[in-house]
Amino acid sequence: MNRAFVFPGQGSQEVGMGQGLAEAFPSARLVFEEVDDALERRLSQIIFEGPQEELTLTQNAQPALMAVSMAVVRVLEEEGGIKVSEAASFVAGHSLGEYSALAASGALSIADTARLLQTRGEAMQAAVPVGVGAMAAVLGPSLEEVEAIAVDAAEDQVCDVANDNSDGQVVVSGNTEAVERAVEIAKERGARRAILLPVSAPFHCSLLDPAADVMTYALASAEISMPNPPVIANVTAAPVTDPDEIRNLLIQQVTSRVRWREGVLAMRDLGVEELCELGAGKVLSGLTRRIERDMTSRAIGTPDDIEAFIGAL
């Protein structure tokens, strides 16, 4: 079966994620140790023991989710002989998950990915003071309808579409007052739901320009190789393999829309029949079913999931 491996983004984190993998497989345990060494701190202790508030901090959640995803990748390789380059036609990730996808495809080392994600998380949090920015999910209206809502809500502030997740699930981001106006306008225009999200910063909007500047500097010295298989980029919803283009897209990604729905449809059009979500949670598997019912999806994040996947192959 023609498949893609996809990697979750922020919001999928929970205390204890990946602990079963670390206890069952030495190869998984080594990934968490590698991330701890790269960051020069015990992030694994926060991942396995919490508290949740600390794990949810952006600079912790981003490298933590990558660590769990890469633990799954390593176990598939070591225990099942399943190499990403041979088992998948493409890789993709939602926001920070794009970094996990790049690590899985050999474009970035795990250590460099952990350091880049910690820097990215710190920069995103520092770009906008707490309370100044917000995000909201708008459920029901089409992308075009939410784009119009965002324009009307912005007034003299920022209100951008941050995530095009699936049909009927679009996220807006920007100044708190503008996002609150967007919620009210969406309700007036018949949205099924419009709710503020419990996030610490307004991701993927122009307020994060300072964070993009930080990542320009951080990525300049990062060693990026050609990924195998190609990565479907968030910014373009298209395959990319050129290291310099990857570097530029990762900088743009900080302030640009995550075009997840388009990316899944692009993979479908490129012949992908199955999406396998590697890491914590099942968010992307759920979105896949809403985007393209004919595409199968499975979440692989526990020893049982891995055993079932290896058996299915």
C-alpha atoms as a PDB file:
ATOM      1  CA  MET A   1       0.000   0.000   0.000  1.00  0.00           C
ATOM      2  CA  ASN A   2       1.211   3.489  -0.873  1.00  0.00           C
ATOM      3  CA  ARG A   3       1.497   5.307   2.469  1.00  0.00           C
ATOM      4  CA  ALA A   4       2.736   8.456   4.136  1.00  0.00           C
ATOM      5  CA  PHE A   5       4.022   8.875   7.682  1.00  0.00           C
ATOM      6  CA  VAL A   6       2.656  11.987   9.416  1.00  0.00           C
ATOM      7  CA  PHE A   7       3.639  13.582  12.710  1.00  0.00           C
ATOM      8  CA  PRO A   8       1.454  15.405  15.265  1.00  0.00           C
ATOM      9  CA  GLY A   9       1.714  19.009  16.402  1.00  0.00           C
ATOM     10  CA  GLN A  10       1.180  20.906  19.628  1.00  0.00           C
ATOM     11  CA  GLY A  11      -1.940  19.918  21.533  1.00  0.00           C
ATOM     12  CA  SER A  12      -1.283  16.181  21.287  1.00  0.00           C
ATOM     13  CA  GLN A  13       1.011  16.169  24.331  1.00  0.00           C
ATOM     14  CA  GLU A  14       0.057  14.391  27.548  1.00  0.00           C
ATOM     15  CA  VAL A  15       2.036  13.353  30.593  1.00  0.00           C
ATOM     16  CA  GLY A  16       3.282   9.778  30.247  1.00  0.00           C
ATOM     17  CA  MET A  17       3.349   9.766  26.452  1.00  0.00           C
ATOM     18  CA  GLY A  18       6.103   7.525  25.125  1.00  0.00           C
ATOM     19  CA  GLN A  19       6.836   6.007  28.527  1.00  0.00           C
ATOM     20  CA  GLY A  20       5.557   2.586  27.466  1.00  0.00           C
ATOM     21  CA  LEU A  21       7.871   2.739  24.463  1.00  0.00           C
ATOM     22  CA  ALA A  22      10.873   3.661  26.609  1.00  0.00           C
ATOM     23  CA  GLU A  23      10.141   0.824  29.032  1.00  0.00           C
ATOM     24  CA  ALA A  24       9.609  -1.773  26.307  1.00  0.00           C
ATOM     25  CA  PHE A  25      12.318  -0.875  23.786  1.00  0.00           C
ATOM     26  CA  PRO A  26      15.971   0.153  24.376  1.00  0.00           C
ATOM     27  CA  SER A  27      15.960   1.943  20.994  1.00  0.00           C
ATOM     28  CA  ALA A  28      13.131   4.211  22.186  1.00  0.00           C
ATOM     29  CA  ARG A  29      14.868   4.870  25.482  1.00  0.00           C
ATOM     30  CA  LEU A  30      17.970   5.971  23.595  1.00  0.00           C
ATOM     31  CA  VAL A  31      15.946   8.601  21.688  1.00  0.00           C
ATOM     32  CA  PHE A  32      14.772  10.229  24.928  1.00  0.00           C
ATOM     33  CA  GLU A  33      18.343  10.147  26.263  1.00  0.00           C
ATOM     34  CA  GLU A  34      19.589  11.712  23.015  1.00  0.00           C
ATOM     35  CA  VAL A  35      17.080  14.561  23.349  1.00  0.00           C
ATOM     36  CA  ASP A  36      17.986  15.072  27.025  1.00  0.00           C
ATOM     37  CA  ASP A  37      21.673  15.259  26.109  1.00  0.00           C
ATOM     38  CA  ALA A  38      21.039  17.693  23.245  1.00  0.00           C
ATOM     39  CA  LEU A  39      19.035  20.040  25.477  1.00  0.00           C
ATOM     40  CA  GLU A  40      21.293  19.486  28.503  1.00  0.00           C
ATOM     41  CA  ARG A  41      18.286  18.892  30.748  1.00  0.00           C
ATOM     42  CA  ARG A  42      15.933  16.065  31.717  1.00  0.00           C
ATOM     43  CA  LEU A  43      13.043  16.762  29.366  1.00  0.00           C
ATOM     44  CA  SER A  44      12.187  13.053  29.520  1.00  0.00           C
ATOM     45  CA  GLN A  45      11.303  13.424  33.206  1.00  0.00           C
ATOM     46  CA  ILE A  46       8.777  16.142  32.329  1.00  0.00           C
ATOM     47  CA  ILE A  47       7.397  13.968  29.494  1.00  0.00           C
ATOM     48  CA  PHE A  48       6.928  10.901  31.699  1.00  0.00           C
ATOM     49  CA  GLU A  49       6.071  12.507  35.051  1.00  0.00           C
ATOM     50  CA  GLY A  50       4.789  16.014  34.323  1.00  0.00           C
ATOM     51  CA  PRO A  51       3.363  18.184  35.662  1.00  0.00           C
ATOM     52  CA  GLN A  52       1.061  18.818  32.696  1.00  0.00           C
ATOM     53  CA  GLU A  53       1.444  22.609  32.985  1.00  0.00           C
ATOM     54  CA  GLU A  54       5.198  22.287  32.520  1.00  0.00           C
ATOM     55  CA  LEU A  55       4.911  19.828  29.639  1.00  0.00           C
ATOM     56  CA  THR A  56       2.439  22.167  27.905  1.00  0.00           C
ATOM     57  CA  LEU A  57       4.933  25.071  27.906  1.00  0.00           C
ATOM     58  CA  THR A  58       5.727  25.618  24.244  1.00  0.00           C
ATOM     59  CA  GLN A  59       9.498  25.197  24.609  1.00  0.00           C
ATOM     60  CA  ASN A  60       8.873  21.809  26.281  1.00  0.00           C
ATOM     61  CA  ALA A  61       5.922  20.505  24.274  1.00  0.00           C
ATOM     62  CA  GLN A  62       7.603  20.977  20.895  1.00  0.00           C
ATOM     63  CA  PRO A  63      10.786  18.914  21.458  1.00  0.00           C
ATOM     64  CA  ALA A  64       8.802  16.472  23.638  1.00  0.00           C
ATOM     65  CA  LEU A  65       6.356  15.588  20.874  1.00  0.00           C
ATOM     66  CA  MET A  66       9.231  15.184  18.433  1.00  0.00           C
ATOM     67  CA  ALA A  67      10.994  12.845  20.872  1.00  0.00           C
ATOM     68  CA  VAL A  68       7.950  10.568  21.108  1.00  0.00           C
ATOM     69  CA  SER A  69       7.527  10.521  17.333  1.00  0.00           C
ATOM     70  CA  MET A  70      11.185   9.672  16.782  1.00  0.00           C
ATOM     71  CA  ALA A  71      11.012   6.960  19.436  1.00  0.00           C
ATOM     72  CA  VAL A  72       8.276   5.310  17.342  1.00  0.00           C
ATOM     73  CA  VAL A  73      10.396   5.713  14.189  1.00  0.00           C
ATOM     74  CA  ARG A  74      13.425   4.114  15.869  1.00  0.00           C
ATOM     75  CA  VAL A  75      11.412   1.177  17.210  1.00  0.00           C
ATOM     76  CA  LEU A  76       9.877   0.520  13.795  1.00  0.00           C
ATOM     77  CA  GLU A  77      13.386   0.496  12.337  1.00  0.00           C
ATOM     78  CA  GLU A  78      15.026  -1.606  15.065  1.00  0.00           C
ATOM     79  CA  GLU A  79      12.226  -4.038  15.906  1.00  0.00           C
ATOM     80  CA  GLY A  80      10.373  -4.261  12.607  1.00  0.00           C
ATOM     81  CA  GLY A  81      13.071  -3.523  10.062  1.00  0.00           C
ATOM     82  CA  ILE A  82      10.761  -0.782   8.731  1.00  0.00           C
ATOM     83  CA  LYS A  83      12.753   2.100   7.294  1.00  0.00           C
ATOM     84  CA  VAL A  84      10.920   5.358   6.664  1.00  0.00           C
ATOM     85  CA  SER A  85      12.613   5.738   3.282  1.00  0.00           C
ATOM     86  CA  GLU A  86      11.277   2.366   2.142  1.00  0.00           C
ATOM     87  CA  ALA A  87       7.881   2.172   3.875  1.00  0.00           C
ATOM     88  CA  ALA A  88       6.603   5.685   3.059  1.00  0.00           C
ATOM     89  CA  SER A  89       6.297   7.669  -0.160  1.00  0.00           C
ATOM     90  CA  PHE A  90       6.073  10.970   1.736  1.00  0.00           C
ATOM     91  CA  VAL A  91       6.328  12.388   5.245  1.00  0.00           C
ATOM     92  CA  ALA A  92       4.503  15.405   6.653  1.00  0.00           C
ATOM     93  CA  GLY A  93       3.894  17.001  10.019  1.00  0.00           C
ATOM     94  CA  HIS A  94       1.472  19.499  11.520  1.00  0.00           C
ATOM     95  CA  SER A  95       3.375  22.681  12.472  1.00  0.00           C
ATOM     96  CA  LEU A  96       6.177  21.476  14.797  1.00  0.00           C
ATOM     97  CA  GLY A  97       5.462  18.003  13.399  1.00  0.00           C
ATOM     98  CA  GLU A  98       7.163  19.111  10.192  1.00  0.00           C
ATOM     99  CA  TYR A  99      10.436  19.073  12.138  1.00  0.00           C
ATOM    100  CA  SER A 100       9.668  15.505  13.270  1.00  0.00           C
ATOM    101  CA  ALA A 101       9.003  14.603   9.633  1.00  0.00           C
ATOM    102  CA  LEU A 102      12.357  16.072   8.613  1.00  0.00           C
ATOM    103  CA  ALA A 103      14.143  14.114  11.349  1.00  0.00           C
ATOM    104  CA  ALA A 104      12.346  10.915  10.353  1.00  0.00           C
ATOM    105  CA  SER A 105      13.344  11.381   6.712  1.00  0.00           C
ATOM    106  CA  GLY A 106      17.007  11.943   7.565  1.00  0.00           C
ATOM    107  CA  ALA A 107      17.075  15.657   6.752  1.00  0.00           C
ATOM    108  CA  LEU A 108      17.858  16.659  10.351  1.00  0.00           C
ATOM    109  CA  SER A 109      19.562  14.868  13.240  1.00  0.00           C
ATOM    110  CA  ILE A 110      17.495  14.227  16.363  1.00  0.00           C
ATOM    111  CA  ALA A 111      19.839  16.415  18.444  1.00  0.00           C
ATOM    112  CA  ASP A 112      19.619  19.358  16.037  1.00  0.00           C
ATOM    113  CA  THR A 113      15.838  18.953  15.770  1.00  0.00           C
ATOM    114  CA  ALA A 114      15.461  19.039  19.561  1.00  0.00           C
ATOM    115  CA  ARG A 115      17.553  22.201  19.836  1.00  0.00           C
ATOM    116  CA  LEU A 116      15.738  23.903  16.953  1.00  0.00           C
ATOM    117  CA  LEU A 117      12.335  23.108  18.457  1.00  0.00           C
ATOM    118  CA  GLN A 118      13.324  24.370  21.891  1.00  0.00           C
ATOM    119  CA  THR A 119      14.534  27.607  20.276  1.00  0.00           C
ATOM    120  CA  ARG A 120      11.357  27.787  18.177  1.00  0.00           C
ATOM    121  CA  GLY A 121       9.149  27.322  21.228  1.00  0.00           C
ATOM    122  CA  GLU A 122      11.003  29.939  23.267  1.00  0.00           C
ATOM    123  CA  ALA A 123      10.934  32.405  20.365  1.00  0.00           C
ATOM    124  CA  MET A 124       7.225  31.916  19.717  1.00  0.00           C
ATOM    125  CA  GLN A 125       6.421  32.474  23.393  1.00  0.00           C
ATOM    126  CA  ALA A 126       8.654  35.547  23.647  1.00  0.00           C
ATOM    127  CA  ALA A 127       7.303  37.184  20.472  1.00  0.00           C
ATOM    128  CA  VAL A 128       3.958  38.158  21.976  1.00  0.00           C
ATOM    129  CA  PRO A 129       3.348  39.011  25.658  1.00  0.00           C
ATOM    130  CA  VAL A 130       0.885  36.700  27.417  1.00  0.00           C
ATOM    131  CA  GLY A 131      -2.658  37.984  26.966  1.00  0.00           C
ATOM    132  CA  VAL A 132      -1.914  40.052  23.858  1.00  0.00           C
ATOM    133  CA  GLY A 133      -2.566  37.200  21.420  1.00  0.00           C
ATOM    134  CA  ALA A 134      -5.095  34.392  21.114  1.00  0.00           C
ATOM    135  CA  MET A 135      -6.323  31.628  18.821  1.00  0.00           C
ATOM    136  CA  ALA A 136      -9.804  30.276  18.155  1.00  0.00           C
ATOM    137  CA  ALA A 137     -11.240  27.284  16.347  1.00  0.00           C
ATOM    138  CA  VAL A 138     -14.168  27.914  14.019  1.00  0.00           C
ATOM    139  CA  LEU A 139     -16.193  24.783  13.274  1.00  0.00           C
ATOM    140  CA  GLY A 140     -18.657  24.563  10.427  1.00  0.00           C
ATOM    141  CA  PRO A 141     -17.966  27.360   7.932  1.00  0.00           C
ATOM    142  CA  SER A 142     -15.767  26.823   4.875  1.00  0.00           C
ATOM    143  CA  LEU A 143     -12.216  28.131   4.644  1.00  0.00           C
ATOM    144  CA  GLU A 144     -13.387  31.013   2.441  1.00  0.00           C
ATOM    145  CA  GLU A 145     -16.074  31.955   4.944  1.00  0.00           C
ATOM    146  CA  VAL A 146     -13.577  31.970   7.816  1.00  0.00           C
ATOM    147  CA  GLU A 147     -11.152  34.058   5.746  1.00  0.00           C
ATOM    148  CA  ALA A 148     -13.926  36.643   5.356  1.00  0.00           C
ATOM    149  CA  ILE A 149     -14.680  36.482   9.094  1.00  0.00           C
ATOM    150  CA  ALA A 150     -10.996  37.100   9.873  1.00  0.00           C
ATOM    151  CA  VAL A 151     -10.869  40.131   7.568  1.00  0.00           C
ATOM    152  CA  ASP A 152     -13.990  41.640   9.164  1.00  0.00           C
ATOM    153  CA  ALA A 153     -12.753  40.918  12.696  1.00  0.00           C
ATOM    154  CA  ALA A 154      -9.270  42.361  12.235  1.00  0.00           C
ATOM    155  CA  GLU A 155     -10.217  46.046  12.030  1.00  0.00           C
ATOM    156  CA  ASP A 156      -6.864  47.686  12.827  1.00  0.00           C
ATOM    157  CA  GLN A 157      -5.384  44.555  14.413  1.00  0.00           C
ATOM    158  CA  VAL A 158      -4.150  41.111  13.302  1.00  0.00           C
ATOM    159  CA  CYS A 159      -6.555  38.243  12.678  1.00  0.00           C
ATOM    160  CA  ASP A 160      -5.171  35.594  10.317  1.00  0.00           C
ATOM    161  CA  VAL A 161      -6.206  32.075   9.354  1.00  0.00           C
ATOM    162  CA  ALA A 162      -3.565  29.968  11.134  1.00  0.00           C
ATOM    163  CA  ASN A 163      -4.643  26.384  10.415  1.00  0.00           C
ATOM    164  CA  ASP A 164      -6.747  24.926   7.624  1.00  0.00           C
ATOM    165  CA  ASN A 165      -7.136  21.585   9.374  1.00  0.00           C
ATOM    166  CA  SER A 166     -10.055  19.948   7.582  1.00  0.00           C
ATOM    167  CA  ASP A 167     -13.380  20.739   5.988  1.00  0.00           C
ATOM    168  CA  GLY A 168     -15.249  22.700   8.629  1.00  0.00           C
ATOM    169  CA  GLN A 169     -12.313  23.080  11.045  1.00  0.00           C
ATOM    170  CA  VAL A 170     -10.323  26.294  10.646  1.00  0.00           C
ATOM    171  CA  VAL A 171      -8.266  28.104  13.288  1.00  0.00           C
ATOM    172  CA  VAL A 172      -7.718  31.884  13.447  1.00  0.00           C
ATOM    173  CA  SER A 173      -4.889  33.636  15.269  1.00  0.00           C
ATOM    174  CA  GLY A 174      -3.950  37.202  16.169  1.00  0.00           C
ATOM    175  CA  ASN A 175      -4.578  39.966  18.681  1.00  0.00           C
ATOM    176  CA  THR A 176      -6.853  38.810  21.490  1.00  0.00           C
ATOM    177  CA  GLU A 177      -9.531  41.436  20.822  1.00  0.00           C
ATOM    178  CA  ALA A 178      -9.596  40.656  17.097  1.00  0.00           C
ATOM    179  CA  VAL A 179      -9.846  36.906  17.688  1.00  0.00           C
ATOM    180  CA  GLU A 180     -12.661  37.480  20.203  1.00  0.00           C
ATOM    181  CA  ARG A 181     -14.466  39.550  17.555  1.00  0.00           C
ATOM    182  CA  ALA A 182     -13.959  36.692  15.080  1.00  0.00           C
ATOM    183  CA  VAL A 183     -15.605  34.272  17.515  1.00  0.00           C
ATOM    184  CA  GLU A 184     -18.671  36.506  17.824  1.00  0.00           C
ATOM    185  CA  ILE A 185     -18.919  37.131  14.073  1.00  0.00           C
ATOM    186  CA  ALA A 186     -18.591  33.397  13.380  1.00  0.00           C
ATOM    187  CA  LYS A 187     -21.457  32.638  15.760  1.00  0.00           C
ATOM    188  CA  GLU A 188     -23.592  35.344  14.141  1.00  0.00           C
ATOM    189  CA  ARG A 189     -22.909  33.796  10.731  1.00  0.00           C
ATOM    190  CA  GLY A 190     -24.009  30.333  11.774  1.00  0.00           C
ATOM    191  CA  ALA A 191     -20.827  28.568  12.856  1.00  0.00           C
ATOM    192  CA  ARG A 192     -21.535  25.303  14.628  1.00  0.00           C
ATOM    193  CA  ARG A 193     -18.968  26.283  17.258  1.00  0.00           C
ATOM    194  CA  ALA A 194     -16.422  29.061  17.680  1.00  0.00           C
ATOM    195  CA  ILE A 195     -14.197  28.722  20.733  1.00  0.00           C
ATOM    196  CA  LEU A 196     -11.049  30.307  22.085  1.00  0.00           C
ATOM    197  CA  LEU A 197      -8.218  27.769  22.382  1.00  0.00           C
ATOM    198  CA  PRO A 198      -6.090  27.271  25.544  1.00  0.00           C
ATOM    199  CA  VAL A 199      -2.785  28.335  23.962  1.00  0.00           C
ATOM    200  CA  SER A 200       0.012  30.494  25.309  1.00  0.00           C
ATOM    201  CA  ALA A 201       0.721  32.416  22.079  1.00  0.00           C
ATOM    202  CA  PRO A 202      -0.956  33.266  18.744  1.00  0.00           C
ATOM    203  CA  PHE A 203       0.806  30.785  16.458  1.00  0.00           C
ATOM    204  CA  HIS A 204       1.048  31.057  12.662  1.00  0.00           C
ATOM    205  CA  CYS A 205       0.178  34.727  12.290  1.00  0.00           C
ATOM    206  CA  SER A 206       2.094  37.913  11.526  1.00  0.00           C
ATOM    207  CA  LEU A 207       2.459  38.785  15.222  1.00  0.00           C
ATOM    208  CA  LEU A 208       5.170  36.116  15.305  1.00  0.00           C
ATOM    209  CA  ASP A 209       7.525  38.000  12.967  1.00  0.00           C
ATOM    210  CA  PRO A 210      10.117  38.304  15.793  1.00  0.00           C
ATOM    211  CA  ALA A 211      10.106  34.508  16.170  1.00  0.00           C
ATOM    212  CA  ALA A 212      10.654  34.095  12.427  1.00  0.00           C
ATOM    213  CA  ASP A 213      13.725  36.339  12.767  1.00  0.00           C
ATOM    214  CA  VAL A 214      15.070  34.101  15.542  1.00  0.00           C
ATOM    215  CA  MET A 215      14.516  30.990  13.433  1.00  0.00           C
ATOM    216  CA  THR A 216      16.237  32.616  10.451  1.00  0.00           C
ATOM    217  CA  TYR A 217      19.366  32.819  12.580  1.00  0.00           C
ATOM    218  CA  ALA A 218      18.935  29.366  14.180  1.00  0.00           C
ATOM    219  CA  LEU A 219      18.308  27.597  10.870  1.00  0.00           C
ATOM    220  CA  ALA A 220      21.235  29.325   9.124  1.00  0.00           C
ATOM    221  CA  SER A 221      23.699  27.105  10.978  1.00  0.00           C
ATOM    222  CA  ALA A 222      21.556  23.927  10.948  1.00  0.00           C
ATOM    223  CA  GLU A 223      22.809  21.065   8.806  1.00  0.00           C
ATOM    224  CA  ILE A 224      19.924  20.010   6.551  1.00  0.00           C
ATOM    225  CA  SER A 225      20.245  17.057   4.179  1.00  0.00           C
ATOM    226  CA  MET A 226      17.949  15.981   1.363  1.00  0.00           C
ATOM    227  CA  PRO A 227      14.985  14.140   2.924  1.00  0.00           C
ATOM    228  CA  ASN A 228      14.100  10.633   1.801  1.00  0.00           C
ATOM    229  CA  PRO A 229      11.182  10.408   1.237  1.00  0.00           C
ATOM    230  CA  PRO A 230      10.127  13.986   0.298  1.00  0.00           C
ATOM    231  CA  VAL A 231       8.389  16.194   2.865  1.00  0.00           C
ATOM    232  CA  ILE A 232       4.989  17.764   2.178  1.00  0.00           C
ATOM    233  CA  ALA A 233       5.540  21.306   3.455  1.00  0.00           C
ATOM    234  CA  ASN A 234       2.967  23.141   5.587  1.00  0.00           C
ATOM    235  CA  VAL A 235       3.511  26.421   3.734  1.00  0.00           C
ATOM    236  CA  THR A 236       3.063  25.093   0.191  1.00  0.00           C
ATOM    237  CA  ALA A 237       1.134  21.807   0.679  1.00  0.00           C
ATOM    238  CA  ALA A 238       3.573  20.364  -1.865  1.00  0.00           C
ATOM    239  CA  PRO A 239       6.605  18.030  -1.810  1.00  0.00           C
ATOM    240  CA  VAL A 240      10.016  19.528  -1.067  1.00  0.00           C
ATOM    241  CA  THR A 241      13.489  17.962  -1.068  1.00  0.00           C
ATOM    242  CA  ASP A 242      15.928  20.846  -1.608  1.00  0.00           C
ATOM    243  CA  PRO A 243      17.673  21.687   1.715  1.00  0.00           C
ATOM    244  CA  ASP A 244      17.792  25.437   1.040  1.00  0.00           C
ATOM    245  CA  GLU A 245      14.103  25.487   0.170  1.00  0.00           C
ATOM    246  CA  ILE A 246      13.342  23.503   3.334  1.00  0.00           C
ATOM    247  CA  ARG A 247      15.266  26.069   5.393  1.00  0.00           C
ATOM    248  CA  ASN A 248      13.316  28.968   3.862  1.00  0.00           C
ATOM    249  CA  LEU A 249       9.963  27.208   4.283  1.00  0.00           C
ATOM    250  CA  LEU A 250      10.665  26.498   7.963  1.00  0.00           C
ATOM    251  CA  ILE A 251      11.265  30.215   8.508  1.00  0.00           C
ATOM    252  CA  GLN A 252       8.063  31.122   6.658  1.00  0.00           C
ATOM    253  CA  GLN A 253       6.151  28.435   8.562  1.00  0.00           C
ATOM    254  CA  VAL A 254       6.385  30.411  11.832  1.00  0.00           C
ATOM    255  CA  THR A 255       3.999  33.094  10.559  1.00  0.00           C
ATOM    256  CA  SER A 256       2.286  31.249   7.688  1.00  0.00           C
ATOM    257  CA  ARG A 257      -0.882  29.185   7.523  1.00  0.00           C
ATOM    258  CA  VAL A 258      -0.630  25.441   8.139  1.00  0.00           C
ATOM    259  CA  ARG A 259      -2.282  24.088   4.987  1.00  0.00           C
ATOM    260  CA  TRP A 260      -2.952  20.640   6.422  1.00  0.00           C
ATOM    261  CA  ARG A 261      -6.172  19.880   4.524  1.00  0.00           C
ATOM    262  CA  GLU A 262      -4.524  20.788   1.226  1.00  0.00           C
ATOM    263  CA  GLY A 263      -1.456  18.736   2.120  1.00  0.00           C
ATOM    264  CA  VAL A 264      -3.512  15.606   2.758  1.00  0.00           C
ATOM    265  CA  LEU A 265      -5.375  16.089  -0.530  1.00  0.00           C
ATOM    266  CA  ALA A 266      -2.032  16.607  -2.308  1.00  0.00           C
ATOM    267  CA  MET A 267      -0.771  13.292  -0.911  1.00  0.00           C
ATOM    268  CA  ARG A 268      -3.971  11.620  -2.088  1.00  0.00           C
ATOM    269  CA  ASP A 269      -3.457  13.035  -5.567  1.00  0.00           C
ATOM    270  CA  LEU A 270       0.122  11.736  -5.491  1.00  0.00           C
ATOM    271  CA  GLY A 271      -1.170   8.215  -4.888  1.00  0.00           C
ATOM    272  CA  VAL A 272      -1.061   7.913  -1.097  1.00  0.00           C
ATOM    273  CA  GLU A 273      -3.718   5.501   0.185  1.00  0.00           C
ATOM    274  CA  GLU A 274      -2.870   5.366   3.893  1.00  0.00           C
ATOM    275  CA  LEU A 275      -1.659   7.921   6.459  1.00  0.00           C
ATOM    276  CA  CYS A 276       0.157   6.541   9.498  1.00  0.00           C
ATOM    277  CA  GLU A 277       0.387   8.989  12.412  1.00  0.00           C
ATOM    278  CA  LEU A 278       3.604   8.316  14.350  1.00  0.00           C
ATOM    279  CA  GLY A 279       3.750   9.652  17.893  1.00  0.00           C
ATOM    280  CA  ALA A 280       1.384  10.941  20.546  1.00  0.00           C
ATOM    281  CA  GLY A 281      -2.393  11.008  20.143  1.00  0.00           C
ATOM    282  CA  LYS A 282      -4.718  10.530  17.193  1.00  0.00           C
ATOM    283  CA  VAL A 283      -5.481  14.087  16.089  1.00  0.00           C
ATOM    284  CA  LEU A 284      -4.186  13.744  12.533  1.00  0.00           C
ATOM    285  CA  SER A 285      -5.857  10.359  12.064  1.00  0.00           C
ATOM    286  CA  GLY A 286      -9.164  11.979  12.968  1.00  0.00           C
ATOM    287  CA  LEU A 287      -8.574  14.868  10.565  1.00  0.00           C
ATOM    288  CA  THR A 288      -7.744  12.434   7.757  1.00  0.00           C
ATOM    289  CA  ARG A 289     -11.158  10.822   8.054  1.00  0.00           C
ATOM    290  CA  ARG A 290     -12.784  14.237   7.752  1.00  0.00           C
ATOM    291  CA  ILE A 291     -10.664  15.307   4.782  1.00  0.00           C
ATOM    292  CA  GLU A 292     -10.711  12.179   2.628  1.00  0.00           C
ATOM    293  CA  ARG A 293     -12.893   9.221   3.602  1.00  0.00           C
ATOM    294  CA  ASP A 294     -11.324   6.942   0.996  1.00  0.00           C
ATOM    295  CA  MET A 295      -7.884   7.315   2.590  1.00  0.00           C
ATOM    296  CA  THR A 296      -7.231   4.939   5.488  1.00  0.00           C
ATOM    297  CA  SER A 297      -5.482   6.172   8.625  1.00  0.00           C
ATOM    298  CA  ARG A 298      -3.933   4.636  11.705  1.00  0.00           C
ATOM    299  CA  ALA A 299      -2.226   6.015  14.796  1.00  0.00           C
ATOM    300  CA  ILE A 300       1.012   4.348  15.918  1.00  0.00           C
ATOM    301  CA  GLY A 301       2.150   5.498  19.332  1.00  0.00           C
ATOM    302  CA  THR A 302       2.228   2.539  21.723  1.00  0.00           C
ATOM    303  CA  PRO A 303       3.967  -0.881  21.806  1.00  0.00           C
ATOM    304  CA  ASP A 304       0.628  -2.513  20.882  1.00  0.00           C
ATOM    305  CA  ASP A 305       0.178  -0.134  17.925  1.00  0.00           C
ATOM    306  CA  ILE A 306       3.677  -0.946  16.712  1.00  0.00           C
ATOM    307  CA  GLU A 307       3.136  -4.681  17.042  1.00  0.00           C
ATOM    308  CA  ALA A 308      -0.120  -4.436  15.077  1.00  0.00           C
ATOM    309  CA  PHE A 309       1.493  -2.347  12.328  1.00  0.00           C
ATOM    310  CA  ILE A 310       4.473  -4.680  11.960  1.00  0.00           C
ATOM    311  CA  GLY A 311       2.059  -7.616  11.835  1.00  0.00           C
ATOM    312  CA  ALA A 312      -0.058  -5.930   9.174  1.00  0.00           C
ATOM    313  CA  LEU A 313       2.971  -5.493   6.933  1.00  0.00           C
END
